[in-house]
Structures are given as structure tokens and as C-alpha cells.
């Protein structure tokens, strides 16, 4: 469901802001290809990394 909503959002940006077709296709490919990596549970090591980055203010 998330990827479907994201693609609808990207389509809206493309139509509203007149992006080049090349940029539009590249953006869609980036999101589709990265989805399997971000749509999973984090490992303990990844969770600890995020905690440390938050602690030191490196991500918000």
C-alpha cells in the first residue's frame, strides 16, 4: 500500500511541477528499487546505529 501511495504522490509532483520525463522515471526507479531495503524490520545493529545517530543529533 505504501509504494502505491508513494507512486501516486510522485505522479502528482510530475504533473504539477513539469519535471522532465527522465527525472520522473529516475525518481520512480529509485523508490521502487529501494523499497525492499526500507520495508523490512531493522536488525539490532541497525537499531543501535539509529539510536546513536539520534543521541548525537546527527539525524532528526
N, C-alpha and C. Protein backbone atom coordinates (compact mmCIF):
# COMPACT_ATOMS: atom_id res chain seq x y z
N UNK A 1 0.82 -1.19 0.00
CA UNK A 1 0.00 0.00 0.00
C UNK A 1 0.87 1.26 0.00
N UNK A 2 1.97 1.23 0.77
CA UNK A 2 2.83 2.40 0.86
C UNK A 2 3.40 2.78 -0.50
N UNK A 3 3.90 1.80 -1.24
CA UNK A 3 4.52 2.10 -2.54
C UNK A 3 3.47 2.64 -3.51
N UNK A 4 2.24 2.15 -3.42
CA UNK A 4 1.15 2.64 -4.28
C UNK A 4 0.87 4.11 -3.99
N UNK A 5 0.81 4.48 -2.71
CA UNK A 5 0.58 5.88 -2.34
C UNK A 5 1.76 6.76 -2.75
N UNK A 6 2.96 6.24 -2.61
CA UNK A 6 4.14 6.99 -3.00
C UNK A 6 4.13 7.28 -4.50
N UNK A 7 3.80 6.28 -5.30
CA UNK A 7 3.75 6.46 -6.74
C UNK A 7 2.68 7.47 -7.13
N UNK A 8 1.55 7.46 -6.44
CA UNK A 8 0.50 8.46 -6.71
C UNK A 8 1.01 9.86 -6.38
N UNK A 9 1.73 9.99 -5.28
CA UNK A 9 2.31 11.27 -4.89
C UNK A 9 3.30 11.76 -5.94
N UNK A 10 4.17 10.86 -6.40
CA UNK A 10 5.18 11.21 -7.40
C UNK A 10 4.51 11.62 -8.70
N UNK A 11 3.47 10.92 -9.08
CA UNK A 11 2.73 11.30 -10.29
C UNK A 11 2.17 12.71 -10.16
N UNK A 12 1.67 13.06 -8.99
CA UNK A 12 1.16 14.40 -8.75
C UNK A 12 2.24 15.46 -8.87
N UNK A 13 3.43 15.17 -8.34
CA UNK A 13 4.56 16.11 -8.45
C UNK A 13 4.94 16.29 -9.91
N UNK A 14 4.98 15.20 -10.64
CA UNK A 14 5.36 15.24 -12.05
C UNK A 14 4.41 16.14 -12.83
N UNK A 15 3.13 15.97 -12.60
CA UNK A 15 2.13 16.76 -13.33
C UNK A 15 2.13 18.22 -12.87
N UNK A 16 2.29 18.45 -11.57
CA UNK A 16 2.19 19.81 -11.03
C UNK A 16 3.42 20.66 -11.33
N UNK A 17 4.61 20.05 -11.30
CA UNK A 17 5.84 20.82 -11.43
C UNK A 17 6.56 20.65 -12.76
N UNK A 18 5.94 19.96 -13.68
CA UNK A 18 6.51 19.78 -15.03
C UNK A 18 7.95 19.27 -15.00
N UNK A 19 8.19 18.20 -14.25
CA UNK A 19 9.51 17.57 -14.25
C UNK A 19 9.79 16.97 -15.62
N UNK A 20 11.06 16.84 -15.94
CA UNK A 20 11.39 16.16 -17.19
C UNK A 20 11.02 14.69 -17.05
N UNK A 21 10.72 14.07 -18.15
CA UNK A 21 10.34 12.66 -18.10
C UNK A 21 11.49 11.80 -17.60
N UNK A 22 12.71 12.18 -17.94
CA UNK A 22 13.88 11.44 -17.49
C UNK A 22 14.00 11.50 -15.96
N UNK A 23 13.83 12.69 -15.39
CA UNK A 23 13.90 12.85 -13.94
C UNK A 23 12.79 12.07 -13.26
N UNK A 24 11.61 12.10 -13.85
CA UNK A 24 10.46 11.39 -13.30
C UNK A 24 10.70 9.89 -13.28
N UNK A 25 11.20 9.34 -14.37
CA UNK A 25 11.47 7.90 -14.44
C UNK A 25 12.57 7.50 -13.46
N UNK A 26 13.61 8.32 -13.37
CA UNK A 26 14.70 8.03 -12.45
C UNK A 26 14.23 8.03 -11.01
N UNK A 27 13.39 9.00 -10.65
CA UNK A 27 12.86 9.09 -9.30
C UNK A 27 12.00 7.86 -8.98
N UNK A 28 11.15 7.46 -9.91
CA UNK A 28 10.32 6.27 -9.69
C UNK A 28 11.17 5.03 -9.50
N UNK A 29 12.18 4.85 -10.34
CA UNK A 29 13.06 3.69 -10.23
C UNK A 29 13.78 3.67 -8.89
N UNK A 30 14.23 4.83 -8.43
CA UNK A 30 14.94 4.91 -7.16
C UNK A 30 14.04 4.42 -6.02
N UNK A 31 12.80 4.89 -5.99
CA UNK A 31 11.89 4.49 -4.91
C UNK A 31 11.52 3.01 -5.01
N UNK A 32 11.26 2.54 -6.20
CA UNK A 32 10.87 1.13 -6.37
C UNK A 32 12.02 0.20 -6.01
N UNK A 33 13.23 0.55 -6.43
CA UNK A 33 14.39 -0.30 -6.14
C UNK A 33 14.80 -0.26 -4.67
N UNK A 34 14.59 0.85 -3.99
CA UNK A 34 14.98 0.94 -2.59
C UNK A 34 13.91 0.38 -1.65
N UNK A 35 12.69 0.23 -2.12
CA UNK A 35 11.59 -0.22 -1.28
C UNK A 35 11.88 -1.51 -0.52
N UNK A 36 12.41 -2.56 -1.16
CA UNK A 36 12.66 -3.80 -0.41
C UNK A 36 13.65 -3.62 0.74
N UNK A 37 14.53 -2.64 0.66
CA UNK A 37 15.53 -2.43 1.70
C UNK A 37 14.98 -1.63 2.88
N UNK A 38 14.00 -0.78 2.62
CA UNK A 38 13.46 0.05 3.69
C UNK A 38 12.16 -0.52 4.26
N UNK A 39 11.57 -1.47 3.57
CA UNK A 39 10.29 -2.04 4.01
C UNK A 39 10.52 -3.37 4.72
N UNK A 40 11.44 -3.38 5.64
CA UNK A 40 11.73 -4.57 6.41
C UNK A 40 12.05 -4.15 7.84
N UNK A 41 12.06 -5.09 8.74
CA UNK A 41 12.43 -4.80 10.12
C UNK A 41 13.94 -4.59 10.21
N UNK A 42 14.34 -3.62 11.00
CA UNK A 42 15.77 -3.36 11.17
C UNK A 42 16.40 -4.42 12.07
N UNK A 43 17.67 -4.68 11.83
CA UNK A 43 18.41 -5.57 12.71
C UNK A 43 18.76 -4.82 14.00
N UNK A 44 19.19 -5.56 14.99
CA UNK A 44 19.59 -4.93 16.26
C UNK A 44 20.73 -3.94 16.04
N UNK A 45 21.67 -4.31 15.18
CA UNK A 45 22.80 -3.44 14.89
C UNK A 45 22.33 -2.14 14.23
N UNK A 46 21.38 -2.23 13.30
CA UNK A 46 20.85 -1.04 12.64
C UNK A 46 20.09 -0.15 13.63
N UNK A 47 19.32 -0.77 14.52
CA UNK A 47 18.59 -0.01 15.54
C UNK A 47 19.55 0.75 16.44
N UNK A 48 20.63 0.09 16.86
CA UNK A 48 21.62 0.74 17.71
C UNK A 48 22.29 1.90 16.98
N UNK A 49 22.56 1.73 15.71
CA UNK A 49 23.16 2.80 14.90
C UNK A 49 22.24 4.02 14.86
N UNK A 50 20.96 3.81 14.64
CA UNK A 50 19.99 4.90 14.61
C UNK A 50 19.93 5.59 15.97
N UNK A 51 19.92 4.81 17.05
CA UNK A 51 19.90 5.39 18.39
C UNK A 51 21.12 6.29 18.62
N UNK A 52 22.28 5.82 18.20
CA UNK A 52 23.49 6.62 18.42
C UNK A 52 23.47 7.89 17.56
N UNK A 53 22.98 7.80 16.35
CA UNK A 53 22.87 8.99 15.50
C UNK A 53 21.89 10.01 16.09
N UNK A 54 20.78 9.51 16.63
CA UNK A 54 19.81 10.40 17.28
C UNK A 54 20.42 11.05 18.51
N UNK A 55 21.13 10.27 19.29
CA UNK A 55 21.74 10.76 20.53
C UNK A 55 22.71 11.91 20.24
N UNK A 56 23.49 11.76 19.20
CA UNK A 56 24.48 12.79 18.88
C UNK A 56 23.92 13.89 17.98
N UNK A 57 22.63 13.83 17.69
CA UNK A 57 21.98 14.88 16.90
C UNK A 57 22.35 14.86 15.43
N UNK A 58 22.82 13.72 14.95
CA UNK A 58 23.23 13.64 13.54
C UNK A 58 22.05 13.39 12.60
N UNK A 59 20.94 12.92 13.15
CA UNK A 59 19.70 12.81 12.38
C UNK A 59 18.58 13.33 13.27
N UNK A 60 17.53 13.77 12.63
CA UNK A 60 16.40 14.30 13.40
C UNK A 60 15.14 13.58 13.05
